[in-house]
Amino acid sequence: MVRPAALNGPQFLTADILKKPLRIEKGNAYVPEGPGLGIDVDEDKVIELMKRSSGDKLIRSVLMQN
């Protein structure tokens, strides 16, 4: 690789897993107030994303090994 791998490429930004999306205005992202960054992850959305990407199979195989 000539340049570092981008961790913000479209392949990583297509899924929305937040309960309330970040507000974006004029190129600025505004994070909500609350603990940490104030974001709240929707665990059901994460599970659905894992199923679409076969990540659930990886998790199951790891759990079966323990």
PDB file of N, CA and C in Angstrom:
ATOM      1  N   MET A   1       0.831  -1.175   0.000  1.00  0.00           N
ATOM      2  CA  MET A   1       0.000   0.000   0.000  1.00  0.00           C
ATOM      3  C   MET A   1       0.877   1.241   0.000  1.00  0.00           C
ATOM      4  N   VAL A   2       0.504   2.184  -0.784  1.00  0.00           N
ATOM      5  CA  VAL A   2       1.255   3.430  -0.876  1.00  0.00           C
ATOM      6  C   VAL A   2       0.848   4.381   0.232  1.00  0.00           C
ATOM      7  N   ARG A   3      -0.449   4.388   0.584  1.00  0.00           N
ATOM      8  CA  ARG A   3      -0.971   5.281   1.609  1.00  0.00           C
ATOM      9  C   ARG A   3      -1.682   4.471   2.685  1.00  0.00           C
ATOM     10  N   PRO A   4      -1.881   5.069   3.853  1.00  0.00           N
ATOM     11  CA  PRO A   4      -2.580   4.338   4.917  1.00  0.00           C
ATOM     12  C   PRO A   4      -4.021   4.020   4.527  1.00  0.00           C
ATOM     13  N   ALA A   5      -4.524   2.936   5.057  1.00  0.00           N
ATOM     14  CA  ALA A   5      -5.908   2.554   4.793  1.00  0.00           C
ATOM     15  C   ALA A   5      -6.851   3.552   5.454  1.00  0.00           C
ATOM     16  N   ALA A   6      -7.895   3.938   4.756  1.00  0.00           N
ATOM     17  CA  ALA A   6      -8.872   4.886   5.297  1.00  0.00           C
ATOM     18  C   ALA A   6      -9.900   4.130   6.127  1.00  0.00           C
ATOM     19  N   LEU A   7     -10.133   4.600   7.330  1.00  0.00           N
ATOM     20  CA  LEU A   7     -11.137   3.988   8.187  1.00  0.00           C
ATOM     21  C   LEU A   7     -12.464   4.721   8.099  1.00  0.00           C
ATOM     22  N   ASN A   8     -12.529   5.721   7.244  1.00  0.00           N
ATOM     23  CA  ASN A   8     -13.767   6.469   7.087  1.00  0.00           C
ATOM     24  C   ASN A   8     -14.298   6.384   5.668  1.00  0.00           C
ATOM     25  N   GLY A   9     -13.910   5.345   4.950  1.00  0.00           N
ATOM     26  CA  GLY A   9     -14.379   5.167   3.581  1.00  0.00           C
ATOM     27  C   GLY A   9     -15.852   4.792   3.544  1.00  0.00           C
ATOM     28  N   PRO A  10     -16.465   4.879   2.372  1.00  0.00           N
ATOM     29  CA  PRO A  10     -17.896   4.608   2.239  1.00  0.00           C
ATOM     30  C   PRO A  10     -18.295   3.226   2.750  1.00  0.00           C
ATOM     31  N   GLN A  11     -17.391   2.261   2.644  1.00  0.00           N
ATOM     32  CA  GLN A  11     -17.726   0.919   3.119  1.00  0.00           C
ATOM     33  C   GLN A  11     -17.963   0.882   4.622  1.00  0.00           C
ATOM     34  N   PHE A  12     -17.445   1.866   5.349  1.00  0.00           N
ATOM     35  CA  PHE A  12     -17.638   1.913   6.793  1.00  0.00           C
ATOM     36  C   PHE A  12     -18.737   2.893   7.205  1.00  0.00           C
ATOM     37  N   LEU A  13     -19.203   3.701   6.286  1.00  0.00           N
ATOM     38  CA  LEU A  13     -20.136   4.759   6.640  1.00  0.00           C
ATOM     39  C   LEU A  13     -21.546   4.534   6.106  1.00  0.00           C
ATOM     40  N   THR A  14     -21.822   3.397   5.496  1.00  0.00           N
ATOM     41  CA  THR A  14     -23.123   3.183   4.870  1.00  0.00           C
ATOM     42  C   THR A  14     -24.195   2.742   5.853  1.00  0.00           C
ATOM     43  N   ALA A  15     -23.836   2.202   6.986  1.00  0.00           N
ATOM     44  CA  ALA A  15     -24.827   1.706   7.940  1.00  0.00           C
ATOM     45  C   ALA A  15     -25.016   2.710   9.070  1.00  0.00           C
ATOM     46  N   ASP A  16     -26.269   2.883   9.457  1.00  0.00           N
ATOM     47  CA  ASP A  16     -26.597   3.771  10.567  1.00  0.00           C
ATOM     48  C   ASP A  16     -26.965   2.903  11.757  1.00  0.00           C
ATOM     49  N   ILE A  17     -26.155   2.927  12.817  1.00  0.00           N
ATOM     50  CA  ILE A  17     -26.433   2.089  13.987  1.00  0.00           C
ATOM     51  C   ILE A  17     -26.779   2.912  15.221  1.00  0.00           C
ATOM     52  N   LEU A  18     -26.946   4.212  15.038  1.00  0.00           N
ATOM     53  CA  LEU A  18     -27.284   5.065  16.175  1.00  0.00           C
ATOM     54  C   LEU A  18     -28.794   5.179  16.312  1.00  0.00           C
ATOM     55  N   LYS A  19     -29.267   5.280  17.564  1.00  0.00           N
ATOM     56  CA  LYS A  19     -30.695   5.490  17.784  1.00  0.00           C
ATOM     57  C   LYS A  19     -31.111   6.847  17.239  1.00  0.00           C
ATOM     58  N   LYS A  20     -30.265   7.856  17.439  1.00  0.00           N
ATOM     59  CA  LYS A  20     -30.532   9.196  16.916  1.00  0.00           C
ATOM     60  C   LYS A  20     -29.295   9.622  16.131  1.00  0.00           C
ATOM     61  N   PRO A  21     -29.427   9.838  14.817  1.00  0.00           N
ATOM     62  CA  PRO A  21     -28.249  10.187  14.008  1.00  0.00           C
ATOM     63  C   PRO A  21     -27.618  11.506  14.443  1.00  0.00           C
ATOM     64  N   LEU A  22     -26.340  11.647  14.150  1.00  0.00           N
ATOM     65  CA  LEU A  22     -25.650  12.907  14.426  1.00  0.00           C
ATOM     66  C   LEU A  22     -26.214  13.997  13.515  1.00  0.00           C
ATOM     67  N   ARG A  23     -26.298  15.191  14.025  1.00  0.00           N
ATOM     68  CA  ARG A  23     -26.759  16.324  13.227  1.00  0.00           C
ATOM     69  C   ARG A  23     -25.562  16.853  12.443  1.00  0.00           C
ATOM     70  N   ILE A  24     -25.706  16.929  11.119  1.00  0.00           N
ATOM     71  CA  ILE A  24     -24.651  17.434  10.248  1.00  0.00           C
ATOM     72  C   ILE A  24     -25.169  18.707   9.589  1.00  0.00           C
ATOM     73  N   GLU A  25     -24.426  19.811   9.766  1.00  0.00           N
ATOM     74  CA  GLU A  25     -24.792  21.083   9.144  1.00  0.00           C
ATOM     75  C   GLU A  25     -23.541  21.763   8.611  1.00  0.00           C
ATOM     76  N   LYS A  26     -23.574  22.111   7.344  1.00  0.00           N
ATOM     77  CA  LYS A  26     -22.469  22.839   6.702  1.00  0.00           C
ATOM     78  C   LYS A  26     -21.119  22.175   6.956  1.00  0.00           C
ATOM     79  N   GLY A  27     -21.090  20.865   6.858  1.00  0.00           N
ATOM     80  CA  GLY A  27     -19.843  20.127   7.020  1.00  0.00           C
ATOM     81  C   GLY A  27     -19.406  19.901   8.453  1.00  0.00           C
ATOM     82  N   ASN A  28     -20.204  20.308   9.435  1.00  0.00           N
ATOM     83  CA  ASN A  28     -19.871  20.102  10.842  1.00  0.00           C
ATOM     84  C   ASN A  28     -20.800  19.056  11.442  1.00  0.00           C
ATOM     85  N   ALA A  29     -20.236  18.162  12.232  1.00  0.00           N
ATOM     86  CA  ALA A  29     -21.029  17.160  12.945  1.00  0.00           C
ATOM     87  C   ALA A  29     -21.200  17.610  14.386  1.00  0.00           C
ATOM     88  N   TYR A  30     -22.424  17.597  14.842  1.00  0.00           N
ATOM     89  CA  TYR A  30     -22.740  18.002  16.212  1.00  0.00           C
ATOM     90  C   TYR A  30     -23.164  16.759  16.994  1.00  0.00           C
ATOM     91  N   VAL A  31     -22.408  16.436  18.013  1.00  0.00           N
ATOM     92  CA  VAL A  31     -22.736  15.258  18.813  1.00  0.00           C
ATOM     93  C   VAL A  31     -23.715  15.662  19.909  1.00  0.00           C
ATOM     94  N   PRO A  32     -24.632  14.760  20.255  1.00  0.00           N
ATOM     95  CA  PRO A  32     -25.602  15.079  21.295  1.00  0.00           C
ATOM     96  C   PRO A  32     -24.944  15.119  22.666  1.00  0.00           C
ATOM     97  N   GLU A  33     -25.645  15.714  23.615  1.00  0.00           N
ATOM     98  CA  GLU A  33     -25.131  15.751  24.980  1.00  0.00           C
ATOM     99  C   GLU A  33     -25.473  14.448  25.677  1.00  0.00           C
ATOM    100  N   GLY A  34     -24.627  14.039  26.599  1.00  0.00           N
ATOM    101  CA  GLY A  34     -24.855  12.826  27.366  1.00  0.00           C
ATOM    102  C   GLY A  34     -23.535  12.190  27.728  1.00  0.00           C
ATOM    103  N   PRO A  35     -23.585  11.055  28.407  1.00  0.00           N
ATOM    104  CA  PRO A  35     -22.348  10.363  28.797  1.00  0.00           C
ATOM    105  C   PRO A  35     -21.501  10.020  27.572  1.00  0.00           C
ATOM    106  N   GLY A  36     -20.223  10.041  27.737  1.00  0.00           N
ATOM    107  CA  GLY A  36     -19.318   9.762  26.626  1.00  0.00           C
ATOM    108  C   GLY A  36     -19.481  10.819  25.559  1.00  0.00           C
ATOM    109  N   LEU A  37     -19.690  10.401  24.334  1.00  0.00           N
ATOM    110  CA  LEU A  37     -19.961  11.352  23.252  1.00  0.00           C
ATOM    111  C   LEU A  37     -21.442  11.668  23.137  1.00  0.00           C
ATOM    112  N   GLY A  38     -22.256  11.063  23.976  1.00  0.00           N
ATOM    113  CA  GLY A  38     -23.683  11.317  23.930  1.00  0.00           C
ATOM    114  C   GLY A  38     -24.427  10.483  22.916  1.00  0.00           C
ATOM    115  N   ILE A  39     -23.734   9.551  22.288  1.00  0.00           N
ATOM    116  CA  ILE A  39     -24.404   8.718  21.291  1.00  0.00           C
ATOM    117  C   ILE A  39     -25.012   7.488  21.958  1.00  0.00           C
ATOM    118  N   ASP A  40     -26.067   6.988  21.366  1.00  0.00           N
ATOM    119  CA  ASP A  40     -26.743   5.808  21.873  1.00  0.00           C
ATOM    120  C   ASP A  40     -26.863   4.808  20.728  1.00  0.00           C
ATOM    121  N   VAL A  41     -26.181   3.679  20.833  1.00  0.00           N
ATOM    122  CA  VAL A  41     -26.158   2.669  19.787  1.00  0.00           C
ATOM    123  C   VAL A  41     -27.428   1.830  19.860  1.00  0.00           C
ATOM    124  N   ASP A  42     -28.052   1.603  18.701  1.00  0.00           N
ATOM    125  CA  ASP A  42     -29.228   0.752  18.599  1.00  0.00           C
ATOM    126  C   ASP A  42     -28.738  -0.678  18.384  1.00  0.00           C
ATOM    127  N   GLU A  43     -28.804  -1.497  19.416  1.00  0.00           N
ATOM    128  CA  GLU A  43     -28.248  -2.849  19.353  1.00  0.00           C
ATOM    129  C   GLU A  43     -28.968  -3.721  18.328  1.00  0.00           C
ATOM    130  N   ASP A  44     -30.256  -3.489  18.093  1.00  0.00           N
ATOM    131  CA  ASP A  44     -30.976  -4.251  17.067  1.00  0.00           C
ATOM    132  C   ASP A  44     -30.406  -3.966  15.677  1.00  0.00           C
ATOM    133  N   LYS A  45     -30.047  -2.709  15.430  1.00  0.00           N
ATOM    134  CA  LYS A  45     -29.434  -2.350  14.144  1.00  0.00           C
ATOM    135  C   LYS A  45     -28.067  -3.007  13.991  1.00  0.00           C
ATOM    136  N   VAL A  46     -27.316  -3.099  15.081  1.00  0.00           N
ATOM    137  CA  VAL A  46     -26.001  -3.748  15.035  1.00  0.00           C
ATOM    138  C   VAL A  46     -26.166  -5.226  14.693  1.00  0.00           C
ATOM    139  N   ILE A  47     -27.140  -5.874  15.315  1.00  0.00           N
ATOM    140  CA  ILE A  47     -27.381  -7.295  15.050  1.00  0.00           C
ATOM    141  C   ILE A  47     -27.759  -7.505  13.592  1.00  0.00           C
ATOM    142  N   GLU A  48     -28.642  -6.662  13.055  1.00  0.00           N
ATOM    143  CA  GLU A  48     -29.033  -6.779  11.643  1.00  0.00           C
ATOM    144  C   GLU A  48     -27.844  -6.564  10.721  1.00  0.00           C
ATOM    145  N   LEU A  49     -26.991  -5.600  11.035  1.00  0.00           N
ATOM    146  CA  LEU A  49     -25.796  -5.355  10.231  1.00  0.00           C
ATOM    147  C   LEU A  49     -24.866  -6.556  10.280  1.00  0.00           C
ATOM    148  N   MET A  50     -24.721  -7.154  11.452  1.00  0.00           N
ATOM    149  CA  MET A  50     -23.870  -8.340  11.583  1.00  0.00           C
ATOM    150  C   MET A  50     -24.421  -9.487  10.738  1.00  0.00           C
ATOM    151  N   LYS A  51     -25.733  -9.645  10.719  1.00  0.00           N
ATOM    152  CA  LYS A  51     -26.339 -10.716   9.921  1.00  0.00           C
ATOM    153  C   LYS A  51     -26.090 -10.496   8.438  1.00  0.00           C
ATOM    154  N   ARG A  52     -26.206  -9.250   7.986  1.00  0.00           N
ATOM    155  CA  ARG A  52     -25.987  -8.945   6.565  1.00  0.00           C
ATOM    156  C   ARG A  52     -24.542  -9.153   6.160  1.00  0.00           C
ATOM    157  N   SER A  53     -23.607  -8.974   7.100  1.00  0.00           N
ATOM    158  CA  SER A  53     -22.184  -9.091   6.771  1.00  0.00           C
ATOM    159  C   SER A  53     -21.586 -10.419   7.218  1.00  0.00           C
ATOM    160  N   SER A  54     -22.428 -11.344   7.672  1.00  0.00           N
ATOM    161  CA  SER A  54     -22.012 -12.664   8.175  1.00  0.00           C
ATOM    162  C   SER A  54     -21.215 -12.571   9.459  1.00  0.00           C
ATOM    163  N   GLY A  55     -21.194 -11.430  10.106  1.00  0.00           N
ATOM    164  CA  GLY A  55     -20.493 -11.279  11.377  1.00  0.00           C
ATOM    165  C   GLY A  55     -21.108 -12.123  12.469  1.00  0.00           C
ATOM    166  N   ASP A  56     -22.424 -12.403  12.350  1.00  0.00           N
ATOM    167  CA  ASP A  56     -23.074 -13.239  13.364  1.00  0.00           C
ATOM    168  C   ASP A  56     -22.499 -14.646  13.356  1.00  0.00           C
ATOM    169  N   LYS A  57     -22.095 -15.140  12.185  1.00  0.00           N
ATOM    170  CA  LYS A  57     -21.489 -16.479  12.103  1.00  0.00           C
ATOM    171  C   LYS A  57     -20.137 -16.493  12.809  1.00  0.00           C
ATOM    172  N   LEU A  58     -19.377 -15.422  12.675  1.00  0.00           N
ATOM    173  CA  LEU A  58     -18.085 -15.311  13.344  1.00  0.00           C
ATOM    174  C   LEU A  58     -18.276 -15.316  14.858  1.00  0.00           C
ATOM    175  N   ILE A  59     -19.223 -14.534  15.340  1.00  0.00           N
ATOM    176  CA  ILE A  59     -19.482 -14.468  16.782  1.00  0.00           C
ATOM    177  C   ILE A  59     -19.892 -15.838  17.308  1.00  0.00           C
ATOM    178  N   ARG A  60     -20.793 -16.524  16.589  1.00  0.00           N
ATOM    179  CA  ARG A  60     -21.240 -17.849  17.030  1.00  0.00           C
ATOM    180  C   ARG A  60     -20.073 -18.839  17.082  1.00  0.00           C
ATOM    181  N   SER A  61     -19.177 -18.787  16.095  1.00  0.00           N
ATOM    182  CA  SER A  61     -18.062 -19.732  16.108  1.00  0.00           C
ATOM    183  C   SER A  61     -17.124 -19.447  17.267  1.00  0.00           C
ATOM    184  N   VAL A  62     -16.922 -18.188  17.619  1.00  0.00           N
ATOM    185  CA  VAL A  62     -16.070 -17.840  18.752  1.00  0.00           C
ATOM    186  C   VAL A  62     -16.729 -18.297  20.054  1.00  0.00           C
ATOM    187  N   LEU A  63     -18.020 -18.069  20.177  1.00  0.00           N
ATOM    188  CA  LEU A  63     -18.724 -18.475  21.396  1.00  0.00           C
ATOM    189  C   LEU A  63     -18.724 -19.991  21.569  1.00  0.00           C
ATOM    190  N   MET A  64     -18.810 -20.727  20.485  1.00  0.00           N
ATOM    191  CA  MET A  64     -18.820 -22.197  20.567  1.00  0.00           C
ATOM    192  C   MET A  64     -17.464 -22.738  20.988  1.00  0.00           C
ATOM    193  N   GLN A  65     -16.396 -21.993  20.724  1.00  0.00           N
ATOM    194  CA  GLN A  65     -15.058 -22.435  21.103  1.00  0.00           C
ATOM    195  C   GLN A  65     -14.815 -22.257  22.598  1.00  0.00           C
ATOM    196  N   ASN A  66     -15.568 -21.373  23.234  1.00  0.00           N
ATOM    197  CA  ASN A  66     -15.362 -21.104  24.676  1.00  0.00           C
ATOM    198  C   ASN A  66     -16.235 -21.948  25.535  1.00  0.00           C
TER     199      ASN A  66
END
